[in-house]
Amino acid sequence: MAHTINDECISCGACEPVCEDNAISEGDDKFVIDAAKCTDCGTCVDECPVEAIEAPK
């Protein structure tokens, strides 16, 4: 399971450049995480100003 970005995302882009796996990209209405690329390192979680990135359940 990969991290996910919920609907609280404000599309600020803070998470994208810190993703070492290049798993985060801009979607239609929010940023999205490619589950096939995400290694669950959690680096993006600390960068999100609105806490929109969730760890796998």
PDB file of N, CA and C in Angstrom:
ATOM      1  N   MET A   1       0.835  -1.183   0.000  1.00  0.00           N
ATOM      2  CA  MET A   1       0.000   0.000   0.000  1.00  0.00           C
ATOM      3  C   MET A   1       0.880   1.246   0.000  1.00  0.00           C
ATOM      4  N   ALA A   2       0.437   2.243  -0.708  1.00  0.00           N
ATOM      5  CA  ALA A   2       1.175   3.496  -0.807  1.00  0.00           C
ATOM      6  C   ALA A   2       0.482   4.591  -0.002  1.00  0.00           C
ATOM      7  N   HIS A   3       1.212   5.661   0.254  1.00  0.00           N
ATOM      8  CA  HIS A   3       0.598   6.850   0.847  1.00  0.00           C
ATOM      9  C   HIS A   3      -0.446   7.375  -0.137  1.00  0.00           C
ATOM     10  N   THR A   4      -1.405   8.103   0.360  1.00  0.00           N
ATOM     11  CA  THR A   4      -2.434   8.699  -0.491  1.00  0.00           C
ATOM     12  C   THR A   4      -2.603  10.165  -0.136  1.00  0.00           C
ATOM     13  N   ILE A   5      -3.153  10.925  -1.059  1.00  0.00           N
ATOM     14  CA  ILE A   5      -3.431  12.341  -0.842  1.00  0.00           C
ATOM     15  C   ILE A   5      -4.945  12.504  -0.833  1.00  0.00           C
ATOM     16  N   ASN A   6      -5.473  13.039   0.264  1.00  0.00           N
ATOM     17  CA  ASN A   6      -6.925  13.158   0.385  1.00  0.00           C
ATOM     18  C   ASN A   6      -7.428  14.485  -0.203  1.00  0.00           C
ATOM     19  N   ASP A   7      -8.714  14.705  -0.070  1.00  0.00           N
ATOM     20  CA  ASP A   7      -9.358  15.883  -0.669  1.00  0.00           C
ATOM     21  C   ASP A   7      -9.009  17.196   0.023  1.00  0.00           C
ATOM     22  N   GLU A   8      -8.265  17.152   1.115  1.00  0.00           N
ATOM     23  CA  GLU A   8      -7.812  18.370   1.786  1.00  0.00           C
ATOM     24  C   GLU A   8      -6.672  19.045   1.015  1.00  0.00           C
ATOM     25  N   CYS A   9      -6.122  18.366   0.015  1.00  0.00           N
ATOM     26  CA  CYS A   9      -5.005  18.885  -0.782  1.00  0.00           C
ATOM     27  C   CYS A   9      -5.379  20.230  -1.412  1.00  0.00           C
ATOM     28  N   ILE A  10      -4.481  21.204  -1.259  1.00  0.00           N
ATOM     29  CA  ILE A  10      -4.709  22.539  -1.823  1.00  0.00           C
ATOM     30  C   ILE A  10      -3.869  22.770  -3.079  1.00  0.00           C
ATOM     31  N   SER A  11      -3.269  21.694  -3.599  1.00  0.00           N
ATOM     32  CA  SER A  11      -2.464  21.733  -4.826  1.00  0.00           C
ATOM     33  C   SER A  11      -1.318  22.737  -4.758  1.00  0.00           C
ATOM     34  N   CYS A  12      -0.680  22.831  -3.600  1.00  0.00           N
ATOM     35  CA  CYS A  12       0.428  23.778  -3.439  1.00  0.00           C
ATOM     36  C   CYS A  12       1.718  23.264  -4.073  1.00  0.00           C
ATOM     37  N   GLY A  13       1.832  21.934  -4.205  1.00  0.00           N
ATOM     38  CA  GLY A  13       3.005  21.348  -4.843  1.00  0.00           C
ATOM     39  C   GLY A  13       4.203  21.132  -3.942  1.00  0.00           C
ATOM     40  N   ALA A  14       4.071  21.368  -2.652  1.00  0.00           N
ATOM     41  CA  ALA A  14       5.201  21.215  -1.736  1.00  0.00           C
ATOM     42  C   ALA A  14       5.708  19.772  -1.672  1.00  0.00           C
ATOM     43  N   CYS A  15       4.836  18.826  -1.871  1.00  0.00           N
ATOM     44  CA  CYS A  15       5.194  17.417  -1.758  1.00  0.00           C
ATOM     45  C   CYS A  15       5.962  16.875  -2.964  1.00  0.00           C
ATOM     46  N   GLU A  16       5.669  17.380  -4.135  1.00  0.00           N
ATOM     47  CA  GLU A  16       6.235  16.820  -5.368  1.00  0.00           C
ATOM     48  C   GLU A  16       7.765  16.833  -5.419  1.00  0.00           C
ATOM     49  N   PRO A  17       8.428  17.951  -5.149  1.00  0.00           N
ATOM     50  CA  PRO A  17       9.893  17.964  -5.286  1.00  0.00           C
ATOM     51  C   PRO A  17      10.638  17.147  -4.228  1.00  0.00           C
ATOM     52  N   VAL A  18      10.001  16.837  -3.104  1.00  0.00           N
ATOM     53  CA  VAL A  18      10.698  16.071  -2.068  1.00  0.00           C
ATOM     54  C   VAL A  18      10.562  14.560  -2.259  1.00  0.00           C
ATOM     55  N   CYS A  19       9.723  14.139  -3.170  1.00  0.00           N
ATOM     56  CA  CYS A  19       9.519  12.705  -3.408  1.00  0.00           C
ATOM     57  C   CYS A  19      10.689  12.135  -4.205  1.00  0.00           C
ATOM     58  N   GLU A  20      11.511  11.338  -3.520  1.00  0.00           N
ATOM     59  CA  GLU A  20      12.689  10.739  -4.157  1.00  0.00           C
ATOM     60  C   GLU A  20      12.323   9.654  -5.167  1.00  0.00           C
ATOM     61  N   ASP A  21      11.100   9.157  -5.108  1.00  0.00           N
ATOM     62  CA  ASP A  21      10.654   8.108  -6.018  1.00  0.00           C
ATOM     63  C   ASP A  21       9.928   8.664  -7.243  1.00  0.00           C
ATOM     64  N   ASN A  22       9.781   9.976  -7.313  1.00  0.00           N
ATOM     65  CA  ASN A  22       9.027  10.629  -8.394  1.00  0.00           C
ATOM     66  C   ASN A  22       7.628  10.037  -8.526  1.00  0.00           C
ATOM     67  N   ALA A  23       7.012   9.758  -7.389  1.00  0.00           N
ATOM     68  CA  ALA A  23       5.692   9.135  -7.377  1.00  0.00           C
ATOM     69  C   ALA A  23       4.554  10.143  -7.301  1.00  0.00           C
ATOM     70  N   ILE A  24       4.874  11.412  -7.070  1.00  0.00           N
ATOM     71  CA  ILE A  24       3.828  12.432  -6.900  1.00  0.00           C
ATOM     72  C   ILE A  24       3.755  13.312  -8.141  1.00  0.00           C
ATOM     73  N   SER A  25       2.525  13.514  -8.608  1.00  0.00           N
ATOM     74  CA  SER A  25       2.319  14.375  -9.770  1.00  0.00           C
ATOM     75  C   SER A  25       1.017  15.143  -9.594  1.00  0.00           C
ATOM     76  N   GLU A  26       0.865  16.179 -10.393  1.00  0.00           N
ATOM     77  CA  GLU A  26      -0.335  17.008 -10.309  1.00  0.00           C
ATOM     78  C   GLU A  26      -1.472  16.330 -11.050  1.00  0.00           C
ATOM     79  N   GLY A  27      -2.588  16.145 -10.348  1.00  0.00           N
ATOM     80  CA  GLY A  27      -3.777  15.572 -10.956  1.00  0.00           C
ATOM     81  C   GLY A  27      -4.733  16.666 -11.393  1.00  0.00           C
ATOM     82  N   ASP A  28      -5.953  16.293 -11.706  1.00  0.00           N
ATOM     83  CA  ASP A  28      -6.943  17.255 -12.173  1.00  0.00           C
ATOM     84  C   ASP A  28      -7.319  18.279 -11.105  1.00  0.00           C
ATOM     85  N   ASP A  29      -7.567  17.812  -9.881  1.00  0.00           N
ATOM     86  CA  ASP A  29      -7.999  18.732  -8.835  1.00  0.00           C
ATOM     87  C   ASP A  29      -7.143  18.679  -7.571  1.00  0.00           C
ATOM     88  N   LYS A  30      -6.146  17.807  -7.555  1.00  0.00           N
ATOM     89  CA  LYS A  30      -5.219  17.695  -6.435  1.00  0.00           C
ATOM     90  C   LYS A  30      -4.007  16.889  -6.900  1.00  0.00           C
ATOM     91  N   PHE A  31      -2.973  16.868  -6.089  1.00  0.00           N
ATOM     92  CA  PHE A  31      -1.814  16.052  -6.417  1.00  0.00           C
ATOM     93  C   PHE A  31      -2.150  14.586  -6.115  1.00  0.00           C
ATOM     94  N   VAL A  32      -1.498  13.678  -6.816  1.00  0.00           N
ATOM     95  CA  VAL A  32      -1.760  12.252  -6.649  1.00  0.00           C
ATOM     96  C   VAL A  32      -0.438  11.505  -6.481  1.00  0.00           C
ATOM     97  N   ILE A  33      -0.514  10.348  -5.833  1.00  0.00           N
ATOM     98  CA  ILE A  33       0.656   9.504  -5.627  1.00  0.00           C
ATOM     99  C   ILE A  33       0.473   8.220  -6.413  1.00  0.00           C
ATOM    100  N   ASP A  34       1.463   7.895  -7.248  1.00  0.00           N
ATOM    101  CA  ASP A  34       1.461   6.659  -8.027  1.00  0.00           C
ATOM    102  C   ASP A  34       1.839   5.515  -7.086  1.00  0.00           C
ATOM    103  N   ALA A  35       0.891   4.642  -6.797  1.00  0.00           N
ATOM    104  CA  ALA A  35       1.110   3.548  -5.848  1.00  0.00           C
ATOM    105  C   ALA A  35       2.211   2.597  -6.300  1.00  0.00           C
ATOM    106  N   ALA A  36       2.427   2.469  -7.597  1.00  0.00           N
ATOM    107  CA  ALA A  36       3.456   1.571  -8.110  1.00  0.00           C
ATOM    108  C   ALA A  36       4.864   2.113  -7.857  1.00  0.00           C
ATOM    109  N   LYS A  37       4.988   3.424  -7.683  1.00  0.00           N
ATOM    110  CA  LYS A  37       6.301   4.047  -7.464  1.00  0.00           C
ATOM    111  C   LYS A  37       6.572   4.369  -5.994  1.00  0.00           C
ATOM    112  N   CYS A  38       5.535   4.592  -5.208  1.00  0.00           N
ATOM    113  CA  CYS A  38       5.680   5.006  -3.815  1.00  0.00           C
ATOM    114  C   CYS A  38       6.292   3.892  -2.972  1.00  0.00           C
ATOM    115  N   THR A  39       7.336   4.245  -2.216  1.00  0.00           N
ATOM    116  CA  THR A  39       7.989   3.274  -1.329  1.00  0.00           C
ATOM    117  C   THR A  39       7.646   3.531   0.134  1.00  0.00           C
ATOM    118  N   ASP A  40       6.678   4.386   0.389  1.00  0.00           N
ATOM    119  CA  ASP A  40       6.209   4.693   1.741  1.00  0.00           C
ATOM    120  C   ASP A  40       7.296   5.252   2.648  1.00  0.00           C
ATOM    121  N   CYS A  41       8.172   6.075   2.091  1.00  0.00           N
ATOM    122  CA  CYS A  41       9.249   6.658   2.904  1.00  0.00           C
ATOM    123  C   CYS A  41       8.715   7.716   3.865  1.00  0.00           C
ATOM    124  N   GLY A  42       7.596   8.367   3.498  1.00  0.00           N
ATOM    125  CA  GLY A  42       6.973   9.349   4.372  1.00  0.00           C
ATOM    126  C   GLY A  42       7.526  10.756   4.293  1.00  0.00           C
ATOM    127  N   THR A  43       8.493  10.999   3.440  1.00  0.00           N
ATOM    128  CA  THR A  43       9.087  12.329   3.323  1.00  0.00           C
ATOM    129  C   THR A  43       8.036  13.379   2.961  1.00  0.00           C
ATOM    130  N   CYS A  44       7.121  13.039   2.106  1.00  0.00           N
ATOM    131  CA  CYS A  44       6.095  13.975   1.654  1.00  0.00           C
ATOM    132  C   CYS A  44       5.156  14.402   2.780  1.00  0.00           C
ATOM    133  N   VAL A  45       4.926  13.520   3.734  1.00  0.00           N
ATOM    134  CA  VAL A  45       3.998  13.803   4.829  1.00  0.00           C
ATOM    135  C   VAL A  45       4.426  15.052   5.592  1.00  0.00           C
ATOM    136  N   ASP A  46       5.698  15.166   5.880  1.00  0.00           N
ATOM    137  CA  ASP A  46       6.206  16.307   6.642  1.00  0.00           C
ATOM    138  C   ASP A  46       6.146  17.615   5.866  1.00  0.00           C
ATOM    139  N   GLU A  47       6.114  17.544   4.544  1.00  0.00           N
ATOM    140  CA  GLU A  47       6.103  18.750   3.714  1.00  0.00           C
ATOM    141  C   GLU A  47       4.708  19.327   3.490  1.00  0.00           C
ATOM    142  N   CYS A  48       3.689  18.538   3.683  1.00  0.00           N
ATOM    143  CA  CYS A  48       2.324  18.981   3.394  1.00  0.00           C
ATOM    144  C   CYS A  48       1.835  19.963   4.458  1.00  0.00           C
ATOM    145  N   PRO A  49       1.512  21.209   4.064  1.00  0.00           N
ATOM    146  CA  PRO A  49       1.085  22.212   5.038  1.00  0.00           C
ATOM    147  C   PRO A  49      -0.337  22.008   5.570  1.00  0.00           C
ATOM    148  N   VAL A  50      -1.130  21.171   4.904  1.00  0.00           N
ATOM    149  CA  VAL A  50      -2.506  20.949   5.350  1.00  0.00           C
ATOM    150  C   VAL A  50      -2.756  19.504   5.786  1.00  0.00           C
ATOM    151  N   GLU A  51      -1.699  18.737   5.951  1.00  0.00           N
ATOM    152  CA  GLU A  51      -1.778  17.348   6.404  1.00  0.00           C
ATOM    153  C   GLU A  51      -2.723  16.506   5.545  1.00  0.00           C
ATOM    154  N   ALA A  52      -2.599  16.643   4.217  1.00  0.00           N
ATOM    155  CA  ALA A  52      -3.475  15.923   3.287  1.00  0.00           C
ATOM    156  C   ALA A  52      -2.921  14.574   2.857  1.00  0.00           C
ATOM    157  N   ILE A  53      -1.700  14.269   3.267  1.00  0.00           N
ATOM    158  CA  ILE A  53      -1.092  13.002   2.866  1.00  0.00           C
ATOM    159  C   ILE A  53      -1.244  11.991   3.989  1.00  0.00           C
ATOM    160  N   GLU A  54      -1.807  10.835   3.647  1.00  0.00           N
ATOM    161  CA  GLU A  54      -2.100   9.819   4.642  1.00  0.00           C
ATOM    162  C   GLU A  54      -1.243   8.577   4.434  1.00  0.00           C
ATOM    163  N   ALA A  55      -0.799   7.986   5.533  1.00  0.00           N
ATOM    164  CA  ALA A  55      -0.040   6.751   5.481  1.00  0.00           C
ATOM    165  C   ALA A  55      -0.962   5.593   5.115  1.00  0.00           C
ATOM    166  N   PRO A  56      -0.383   4.532   4.595  1.00  0.00           N
ATOM    167  CA  PRO A  56      -1.206   3.358   4.251  1.00  0.00           C
ATOM    168  C   PRO A  56      -1.920   2.809   5.481  1.00  0.00           C
ATOM    169  N   LYS A  57      -3.084   2.273   5.242  1.00  0.00           N
ATOM    170  CA  LYS A  57      -3.887   1.713   6.347  1.00  0.00           C
ATOM    171  C   LYS A  57      -3.784   0.212   6.353  1.00  0.00           C
TER     172      LYS A  57
END
